């Protein structure tokens, strides 16, 4: 079994009377693609926001490669190697593609900035678009730019929040191949609503429901799990 790179123990977060994340235990193995799925309101985005430091937990502990990062703010977790791309594109529309990636790389303190930018853009197939204003890109290319910004951080863990949302079928196929190519050098945790993508891409899957872990296992185990079928897959609506 691979080493655990990112771990949560008993993590909880409430908003008013709503327990969005309720005592979640979770282990991300180094070099895997791990999918986080569940119904709307299951707590998925809140949970990855806790992992990335965008919000603080009310209880529990989070460790990166064995080191406690529970109280570290997001920018320091970035420097430790956690990158988080958002459900909605979070690029700087009036800057060039190159400058968007440069800002990301600078936030990580990357030493060879030019090389890091070139490598990230080449990885997503956008090297020839470096001088283009981000606002003029197609939606698919904007999602790829956001991924390039994440890769420029040279992360150990890359968290993707619904990366295929809004993409055309051909773009989804290319994006899936790209994500698959990132491992094992980078460990990927993704929230994804497209079950075809999840089942073909993920090594393991964790299912959240009402802020708690309903199940975890391989795609085959999750597909055959009666509790998951009843709560999520069996509804005929697998929107995350």
C-alpha atoms as a PDB file:
ATOM      1  CA  UNK A   1       0.000   0.000   0.000  1.00  0.00           C
ATOM      2  CA  UNK A   2       1.269   3.470  -0.887  1.00  0.00           C
ATOM      3  CA  UNK A   3       2.131   5.962   1.827  1.00  0.00           C
ATOM      4  CA  UNK A   4      -0.578   8.342   2.990  1.00  0.00           C
ATOM      5  CA  UNK A   5       0.235  11.869   1.842  1.00  0.00           C
ATOM      6  CA  UNK A   6      -2.852  13.747   3.095  1.00  0.00           C
ATOM      7  CA  UNK A   7      -4.952  12.640   6.033  1.00  0.00           C
ATOM      8  CA  UNK A   8      -7.971  13.924   7.928  1.00  0.00           C
ATOM      9  CA  UNK A   9      -9.103  12.573  11.287  1.00  0.00           C
ATOM     10  CA  UNK A  10     -12.449  13.469  12.803  1.00  0.00           C
ATOM     11  CA  UNK A  11     -12.685  16.684  10.788  1.00  0.00           C
ATOM     12  CA  UNK A  12     -15.854  18.706  11.346  1.00  0.00           C
ATOM     13  CA  UNK A  13     -17.228  22.073  10.291  1.00  0.00           C
ATOM     14  CA  UNK A  14     -20.622  23.630  10.982  1.00  0.00           C
ATOM     15  CA  UNK A  15     -22.278  26.730   9.582  1.00  0.00           C
ATOM     16  CA  UNK A  16     -24.859  27.853  12.078  1.00  0.00           C
ATOM     17  CA  UNK A  17     -26.944  24.773  12.825  1.00  0.00           C
ATOM     18  CA  UNK A  18     -25.803  22.912   9.687  1.00  0.00           C
ATOM     19  CA  UNK A  19     -23.021  20.355  10.152  1.00  0.00           C
ATOM     20  CA  UNK A  20     -21.569  20.515   6.652  1.00  0.00           C
ATOM     21  CA  UNK A  21     -18.722  18.143   7.530  1.00  0.00           C
ATOM     22  CA  UNK A  22     -19.368  15.831  10.457  1.00  0.00           C
ATOM     23  CA  UNK A  23     -16.428  13.824  11.796  1.00  0.00           C
ATOM     24  CA  UNK A  24     -14.806  12.775   8.526  1.00  0.00           C
ATOM     25  CA  UNK A  25     -11.843  10.391   8.463  1.00  0.00           C
ATOM     26  CA  UNK A  26     -10.007  10.358   5.147  1.00  0.00           C
ATOM     27  CA  UNK A  27      -6.669   9.149   3.759  1.00  0.00           C
ATOM     28  CA  UNK A  28      -5.189  10.107   0.389  1.00  0.00           C
ATOM     29  CA  UNK A  29      -2.478   7.761  -0.839  1.00  0.00           C
ATOM     30  CA  UNK A  30       0.553   9.191  -2.603  1.00  0.00           C
ATOM     31  CA  UNK A  31       0.393   8.839  -6.378  1.00  0.00           C
ATOM     32  CA  UNK A  32      -3.306   8.050  -6.679  1.00  0.00           C
ATOM     33  CA  UNK A  33      -6.317   9.698  -8.293  1.00  0.00           C
ATOM     34  CA  UNK A  34      -9.023   9.812  -5.638  1.00  0.00           C
ATOM     35  CA  UNK A  35     -12.565  10.963  -6.406  1.00  0.00           C
ATOM     36  CA  UNK A  36     -14.894  12.572  -3.881  1.00  0.00           C
ATOM     37  CA  UNK A  37     -18.551  12.149  -4.825  1.00  0.00           C
ATOM     38  CA  UNK A  38     -21.986  12.499  -3.277  1.00  0.00           C
ATOM     39  CA  UNK A  39     -25.344  14.262  -3.606  1.00  0.00           C
ATOM     40  CA  UNK A  40     -25.744  18.029  -3.643  1.00  0.00           C
ATOM     41  CA  UNK A  41     -25.106  19.417  -0.169  1.00  0.00           C
ATOM     42  CA  UNK A  42     -23.113  16.363   0.924  1.00  0.00           C
ATOM     43  CA  UNK A  43     -20.219  18.542   2.131  1.00  0.00           C
ATOM     44  CA  UNK A  44     -17.712  17.846  -0.640  1.00  0.00           C
ATOM     45  CA  UNK A  45     -16.567  21.412  -1.376  1.00  0.00           C
ATOM     46  CA  UNK A  46     -16.526  22.275   2.330  1.00  0.00           C
ATOM     47  CA  UNK A  47     -14.335  19.245   2.982  1.00  0.00           C
ATOM     48  CA  UNK A  48     -11.745  20.077   0.321  1.00  0.00           C
ATOM     49  CA  UNK A  49     -11.803  23.693   1.524  1.00  0.00           C
ATOM     50  CA  UNK A  50     -10.833  22.347   4.941  1.00  0.00           C
ATOM     51  CA  UNK A  51      -8.027  20.286   3.411  1.00  0.00           C
ATOM     52  CA  UNK A  52      -6.685  23.262   1.456  1.00  0.00           C
ATOM     53  CA  UNK A  53      -6.960  25.729   4.339  1.00  0.00           C
ATOM     54  CA  UNK A  54      -9.577  28.005   2.820  1.00  0.00           C
ATOM     55  CA  UNK A  55     -11.672  27.485   5.927  1.00  0.00           C
ATOM     56  CA  UNK A  56     -10.720  26.188   9.388  1.00  0.00           C
ATOM     57  CA  UNK A  57     -12.211  23.079  10.999  1.00  0.00           C
ATOM     58  CA  UNK A  58     -14.203  23.194  14.215  1.00  0.00           C
ATOM     59  CA  UNK A  59     -12.698  19.872  15.248  1.00  0.00           C
ATOM     60  CA  UNK A  60     -10.320  17.203  14.017  1.00  0.00           C
ATOM     61  CA  UNK A  61      -6.816  17.126  12.569  1.00  0.00           C
ATOM     62  CA  UNK A  62      -5.315  17.374   9.074  1.00  0.00           C
ATOM     63  CA  UNK A  63      -1.833  16.098   8.235  1.00  0.00           C
ATOM     64  CA  UNK A  64       0.307  16.429   5.123  1.00  0.00           C
ATOM     65  CA  UNK A  65       3.006  13.770   4.848  1.00  0.00           C
ATOM     66  CA  UNK A  66       2.673  13.177   8.575  1.00  0.00           C
ATOM     67  CA  UNK A  67       2.964  16.840   9.577  1.00  0.00           C
ATOM     68  CA  UNK A  68       0.070  18.594  11.321  1.00  0.00           C
ATOM     69  CA  UNK A  69      -1.243  21.403   9.099  1.00  0.00           C
ATOM     70  CA  UNK A  70      -4.634  21.806  10.809  1.00  0.00           C
ATOM     71  CA  UNK A  71      -4.093  25.473  11.667  1.00  0.00           C
ATOM     72  CA  UNK A  72      -1.965  26.479   8.690  1.00  0.00           C
ATOM     73  CA  UNK A  73      -3.583  29.114   6.426  1.00  0.00           C
ATOM     74  CA  UNK A  74      -4.105  28.348   2.755  1.00  0.00           C
ATOM     75  CA  UNK A  75      -1.055  30.231   1.442  1.00  0.00           C
ATOM     76  CA  UNK A  76       1.260  28.239   3.693  1.00  0.00           C
ATOM     77  CA  UNK A  77      -0.353  24.990   2.612  1.00  0.00           C
ATOM     78  CA  UNK A  78       0.363  26.020  -0.973  1.00  0.00           C
ATOM     79  CA  UNK A  79       4.021  26.325  -0.033  1.00  0.00           C
ATOM     80  CA  UNK A  80       3.861  22.872   1.553  1.00  0.00           C
ATOM     81  CA  UNK A  81       2.539  21.478  -1.729  1.00  0.00           C
ATOM     82  CA  UNK A  82      -1.284  21.603  -1.806  1.00  0.00           C
ATOM     83  CA  UNK A  83      -2.887  23.252  -4.849  1.00  0.00           C
ATOM     84  CA  UNK A  84      -6.658  23.738  -5.179  1.00  0.00           C
ATOM     85  CA  UNK A  85      -8.425  24.670  -8.416  1.00  0.00           C
ATOM     86  CA  UNK A  86     -11.965  25.916  -8.122  1.00  0.00           C
ATOM     87  CA  UNK A  87     -15.335  24.739  -9.404  1.00  0.00           C
ATOM     88  CA  UNK A  88     -15.699  28.088 -11.170  1.00  0.00           C
ATOM     89  CA  UNK A  89     -12.702  29.303 -13.165  1.00  0.00           C
ATOM     90  CA  UNK A  90     -10.580  31.637 -11.055  1.00  0.00           C
ATOM     91  CA  UNK A  91      -8.256  33.151 -13.636  1.00  0.00           C
ATOM     92  CA  UNK A  92      -7.282  36.798 -14.045  1.00  0.00           C
ATOM     93  CA  UNK A  93      -9.169  37.653 -17.258  1.00  0.00           C
ATOM     94  CA  UNK A  94      -7.280  40.841 -18.165  1.00  0.00           C
ATOM     95  CA  UNK A  95      -3.848  39.288 -17.806  1.00  0.00           C
ATOM     96  CA  UNK A  96      -2.121  37.128 -20.378  1.00  0.00           C
ATOM     97  CA  UNK A  97      -1.986  33.373 -20.080  1.00  0.00           C
ATOM     98  CA  UNK A  98       1.708  33.677 -19.200  1.00  0.00           C
ATOM     99  CA  UNK A  99       1.084  36.222 -16.432  1.00  0.00           C
ATOM    100  CA  UNK A 100      -1.705  34.129 -14.907  1.00  0.00           C
ATOM    101  CA  UNK A 101       0.650  31.182 -14.547  1.00  0.00           C
ATOM    102  CA  UNK A 102       3.466  33.470 -13.364  1.00  0.00           C
ATOM    103  CA  UNK A 103       1.336  34.762 -10.487  1.00  0.00           C
ATOM    104  CA  UNK A 104       0.605  31.223  -9.388  1.00  0.00           C
ATOM    105  CA  UNK A 105       4.255  30.175  -9.564  1.00  0.00           C
ATOM    106  CA  UNK A 106       5.366  33.246  -7.621  1.00  0.00           C
ATOM    107  CA  UNK A 107       2.950  32.437  -4.809  1.00  0.00           C
ATOM    108  CA  UNK A 108       4.745  29.087  -4.353  1.00  0.00           C
ATOM    109  CA  UNK A 109       8.145  30.747  -4.352  1.00  0.00           C
ATOM    110  CA  UNK A 110       9.292  28.788  -7.418  1.00  0.00           C
ATOM    111  CA  UNK A 111      12.961  29.546  -8.099  1.00  0.00           C
ATOM    112  CA  UNK A 112      13.203  29.083 -11.872  1.00  0.00           C
ATOM    113  CA  UNK A 113      10.050  30.985 -12.759  1.00  0.00           C
ATOM    114  CA  UNK A 114      10.419  30.929 -16.538  1.00  0.00           C
ATOM    115  CA  UNK A 115      11.031  27.185 -16.626  1.00  0.00           C
ATOM    116  CA  UNK A 116       8.086  26.476 -14.308  1.00  0.00           C
ATOM    117  CA  UNK A 117       5.715  28.568 -16.440  1.00  0.00           C
ATOM    118  CA  UNK A 118       6.888  26.983 -19.684  1.00  0.00           C
ATOM    119  CA  UNK A 119       6.601  23.481 -18.239  1.00  0.00           C
ATOM    120  CA  UNK A 120       3.083  24.074 -16.887  1.00  0.00           C
ATOM    121  CA  UNK A 121       1.809  25.542 -20.153  1.00  0.00           C
ATOM    122  CA  UNK A 122       3.430  22.778 -22.193  1.00  0.00           C
ATOM    123  CA  UNK A 123       1.845  20.150 -19.942  1.00  0.00           C
ATOM    124  CA  UNK A 124      -1.657  21.421 -20.753  1.00  0.00           C
ATOM    125  CA  UNK A 125      -0.886  22.094 -24.422  1.00  0.00           C
ATOM    126  CA  UNK A 126      -1.077  25.893 -24.197  1.00  0.00           C
ATOM    127  CA  UNK A 127       2.498  26.907 -24.861  1.00  0.00           C
ATOM    128  CA  UNK A 128       1.498  28.715 -28.055  1.00  0.00           C
ATOM    129  CA  UNK A 129      -1.139  30.764 -26.206  1.00  0.00           C
ATOM    130  CA  UNK A 130       1.185  32.312 -23.623  1.00  0.00           C
ATOM    131  CA  UNK A 131       0.706  35.864 -24.911  1.00  0.00           C
ATOM    132  CA  UNK A 132      -3.074  35.718 -25.270  1.00  0.00           C
ATOM    133  CA  UNK A 133      -5.356  37.590 -22.882  1.00  0.00           C
ATOM    134  CA  UNK A 134      -7.103  35.079 -20.643  1.00  0.00           C
ATOM    135  CA  UNK A 135     -10.539  36.650 -21.182  1.00  0.00           C
ATOM    136  CA  UNK A 136     -10.394  35.781 -24.886  1.00  0.00           C
ATOM    137  CA  UNK A 137      -9.861  32.059 -24.303  1.00  0.00           C
ATOM    138  CA  UNK A 138     -12.604  29.510 -24.830  1.00  0.00           C
ATOM    139  CA  UNK A 139     -14.150  28.085 -21.671  1.00  0.00           C
ATOM    140  CA  UNK A 140     -12.264  24.828 -22.179  1.00  0.00           C
ATOM    141  CA  UNK A 141      -8.957  26.658 -22.481  1.00  0.00           C
ATOM    142  CA  UNK A 142      -9.775  28.699 -19.380  1.00  0.00           C
ATOM    143  CA  UNK A 143     -10.170  25.454 -17.435  1.00  0.00           C
ATOM    144  CA  UNK A 144      -6.838  24.255 -18.830  1.00  0.00           C
ATOM    145  CA  UNK A 145      -5.242  27.560 -17.844  1.00  0.00           C
ATOM    146  CA  UNK A 146      -6.507  27.089 -14.313  1.00  0.00           C
ATOM    147  CA  UNK A 147      -4.967  23.623 -14.289  1.00  0.00           C
ATOM    148  CA  UNK A 148      -1.687  25.076 -15.568  1.00  0.00           C
ATOM    149  CA  UNK A 149      -1.779  27.565 -12.697  1.00  0.00           C
ATOM    150  CA  UNK A 150      -2.170  24.664 -10.301  1.00  0.00           C
ATOM    151  CA  UNK A 151       0.662  22.719 -11.914  1.00  0.00           C
ATOM    152  CA  UNK A 152       2.943  25.767 -11.777  1.00  0.00           C
ATOM    153  CA  UNK A 153       2.727  25.463  -7.990  1.00  0.00           C
ATOM    154  CA  UNK A 154       4.571  22.146  -8.404  1.00  0.00           C
ATOM    155  CA  UNK A 155       2.131  20.519  -5.989  1.00  0.00           C
ATOM    156  CA  UNK A 156       2.417  17.244  -4.186  1.00  0.00           C
ATOM    157  CA  UNK A 157      -1.392  17.205  -3.942  1.00  0.00           C
ATOM    158  CA  UNK A 158      -3.624  18.741  -6.617  1.00  0.00           C
ATOM    159  CA  UNK A 159      -7.289  19.235  -5.641  1.00  0.00           C
ATOM    160  CA  UNK A 160      -9.710  19.666  -8.550  1.00  0.00           C
ATOM    161  CA  UNK A 161     -13.276  20.858  -7.906  1.00  0.00           C
ATOM    162  CA  UNK A 162     -15.558  19.640 -10.718  1.00  0.00           C
ATOM    163  CA  UNK A 163     -12.872  19.994 -13.404  1.00  0.00           C
ATOM    164  CA  UNK A 164     -15.025  18.772 -16.313  1.00  0.00           C
ATOM    165  CA  UNK A 165     -18.021  20.995 -15.568  1.00  0.00           C
ATOM    166  CA  UNK A 166     -19.049  22.851 -18.721  1.00  0.00           C
ATOM    167  CA  UNK A 167     -16.653  20.993 -21.003  1.00  0.00           C
ATOM    168  CA  UNK A 168     -17.684  19.417 -24.291  1.00  0.00           C
ATOM    169  CA  UNK A 169     -17.306  15.658 -24.755  1.00  0.00           C
ATOM    170  CA  UNK A 170     -14.055  15.971 -26.691  1.00  0.00           C
ATOM    171  CA  UNK A 171     -12.634  18.343 -24.104  1.00  0.00           C
ATOM    172  CA  UNK A 172     -13.576  15.933 -21.317  1.00  0.00           C
ATOM    173  CA  UNK A 173     -11.692  13.100 -23.013  1.00  0.00           C
ATOM    174  CA  UNK A 174      -8.582  15.246 -23.388  1.00  0.00           C
ATOM    175  CA  UNK A 175      -8.844  16.535 -19.832  1.00  0.00           C
ATOM    176  CA  UNK A 176      -9.209  13.002 -18.473  1.00  0.00           C
ATOM    177  CA  UNK A 177      -6.088  11.895 -20.335  1.00  0.00           C
ATOM    178  CA  UNK A 178      -4.203  14.900 -19.003  1.00  0.00           C
ATOM    179  CA  UNK A 179      -5.179  14.219 -15.387  1.00  0.00           C
ATOM    180  CA  UNK A 180      -4.223  10.571 -15.773  1.00  0.00           C
ATOM    181  CA  UNK A 181      -0.785  11.639 -17.001  1.00  0.00           C
ATOM    182  CA  UNK A 182      -0.104  13.634 -13.821  1.00  0.00           C
ATOM    183  CA  UNK A 183       0.225  10.586 -11.580  1.00  0.00           C
ATOM    184  CA  UNK A 184       2.175   9.217  -9.831  1.00  0.00           C
ATOM    185  CA  UNK A 185       4.335  12.365  -9.706  1.00  0.00           C
ATOM    186  CA  UNK A 186       1.332  14.345  -8.456  1.00  0.00           C
ATOM    187  CA  UNK A 187      -1.438  13.004  -6.250  1.00  0.00           C
ATOM    188  CA  UNK A 188      -4.903  14.087  -7.400  1.00  0.00           C
ATOM    189  CA  UNK A 189      -8.065  14.527  -5.334  1.00  0.00           C
ATOM    190  CA  UNK A 190     -11.082  15.553  -7.371  1.00  0.00           C
ATOM    191  CA  UNK A 191     -14.723  16.380  -6.807  1.00  0.00           C
ATOM    192  CA  UNK A 192     -16.473  15.254  -9.959  1.00  0.00           C
ATOM    193  CA  UNK A 193     -20.116  14.981 -11.032  1.00  0.00           C
ATOM    194  CA  UNK A 194     -19.508  13.004 -14.222  1.00  0.00           C
ATOM    195  CA  UNK A 195     -19.716   9.361 -13.152  1.00  0.00           C
ATOM    196  CA  UNK A 196     -18.210   8.114 -16.382  1.00  0.00           C
ATOM    197  CA  UNK A 197     -15.125  10.212 -15.678  1.00  0.00           C
ATOM    198  CA  UNK A 198     -15.032   9.122 -12.038  1.00  0.00           C
ATOM    199  CA  UNK A 199     -15.313   5.422 -12.772  1.00  0.00           C
ATOM    200  CA  UNK A 200     -12.700   5.483 -15.537  1.00  0.00           C
ATOM    201  CA  UNK A 201     -10.193   7.770 -13.824  1.00  0.00           C
ATOM    202  CA  UNK A 202     -10.253   7.209 -10.073  1.00  0.00           C
ATOM    203  CA  UNK A 203      -8.204   4.558  -8.311  1.00  0.00           C
ATOM    204  CA  UNK A 204     -10.348   4.988  -5.204  1.00  0.00           C
ATOM    205  CA  UNK A 205     -13.565   6.824  -4.396  1.00  0.00           C
ATOM    206  CA  UNK A 206     -14.946   8.335  -1.195  1.00  0.00           C
ATOM    207  CA  UNK A 207     -18.691   9.004  -1.006  1.00  0.00           C
ATOM    208  CA  UNK A 208     -19.984  11.741   1.285  1.00  0.00           C
ATOM    209  CA  UNK A 209     -23.607  12.078   2.355  1.00  0.00           C
ATOM    210  CA  UNK A 210     -24.946  14.588   4.906  1.00  0.00           C
ATOM    211  CA  UNK A 211     -21.369  15.551   5.786  1.00  0.00           C
ATOM    212  CA  UNK A 212     -20.292  12.020   6.653  1.00  0.00           C
ATOM    213  CA  UNK A 213     -18.422   9.253   4.841  1.00  0.00           C
ATOM    214  CA  UNK A 214     -20.987   6.880   3.408  1.00  0.00           C
ATOM    215  CA  UNK A 215     -18.496   4.573   1.697  1.00  0.00           C
ATOM    216  CA  UNK A 216     -15.017   4.353   0.251  1.00  0.00           C
ATOM    217  CA  UNK A 217     -13.347   1.861  -2.053  1.00  0.00           C
ATOM    218  CA  UNK A 218     -12.469   1.080  -5.642  1.00  0.00           C
ATOM    219  CA  UNK A 219     -14.823   2.121  -8.451  1.00  0.00           C
ATOM    220  CA  UNK A 220     -16.090  -1.466  -8.637  1.00  0.00           C
ATOM    221  CA  UNK A 221     -16.786  -1.568  -4.898  1.00  0.00           C
ATOM    222  CA  UNK A 222     -18.565   1.783  -4.947  1.00  0.00           C
ATOM    223  CA  UNK A 223     -20.695   0.865  -7.950  1.00  0.00           C
ATOM    224  CA  UNK A 224     -21.821  -2.335  -6.188  1.00  0.00           C
ATOM    225  CA  UNK A 225     -22.428  -0.745  -2.765  1.00  0.00           C
ATOM    226  CA  UNK A 226     -26.176  -0.842  -1.908  1.00  0.00           C
ATOM    227  CA  UNK A 227     -25.959   2.193   0.396  1.00  0.00           C
ATOM    228  CA  UNK A 228     -24.327   4.268  -2.350  1.00  0.00           C
ATOM    229  CA  UNK A 229     -26.903   3.113  -4.884  1.00  0.00           C
ATOM    230  CA  UNK A 230     -29.715   4.138  -2.569  1.00  0.00           C
ATOM    231  CA  UNK A 231     -28.258   7.518  -1.601  1.00  0.00           C
ATOM    232  CA  UNK A 232     -26.697   8.586  -4.878  1.00  0.00           C
ATOM    233  CA  UNK A 233     -26.053   6.361  -7.870  1.00  0.00           C
ATOM    234  CA  UNK A 234     -29.459   4.709  -7.775  1.00  0.00           C
ATOM    235  CA  UNK A 235     -31.336   8.015  -7.999  1.00  0.00           C
ATOM    236  CA  UNK A 236     -30.629   8.361 -11.695  1.00  0.00           C
ATOM    237  CA  UNK A 237     -29.205  11.812 -10.996  1.00  0.00           C
ATOM    238  CA  UNK A 238     -25.491  11.757 -10.344  1.00  0.00           C
ATOM    239  CA  UNK A 239     -24.950  15.509 -10.284  1.00  0.00           C
ATOM    240  CA  UNK A 240     -22.445  16.325  -7.548  1.00  0.00           C
END
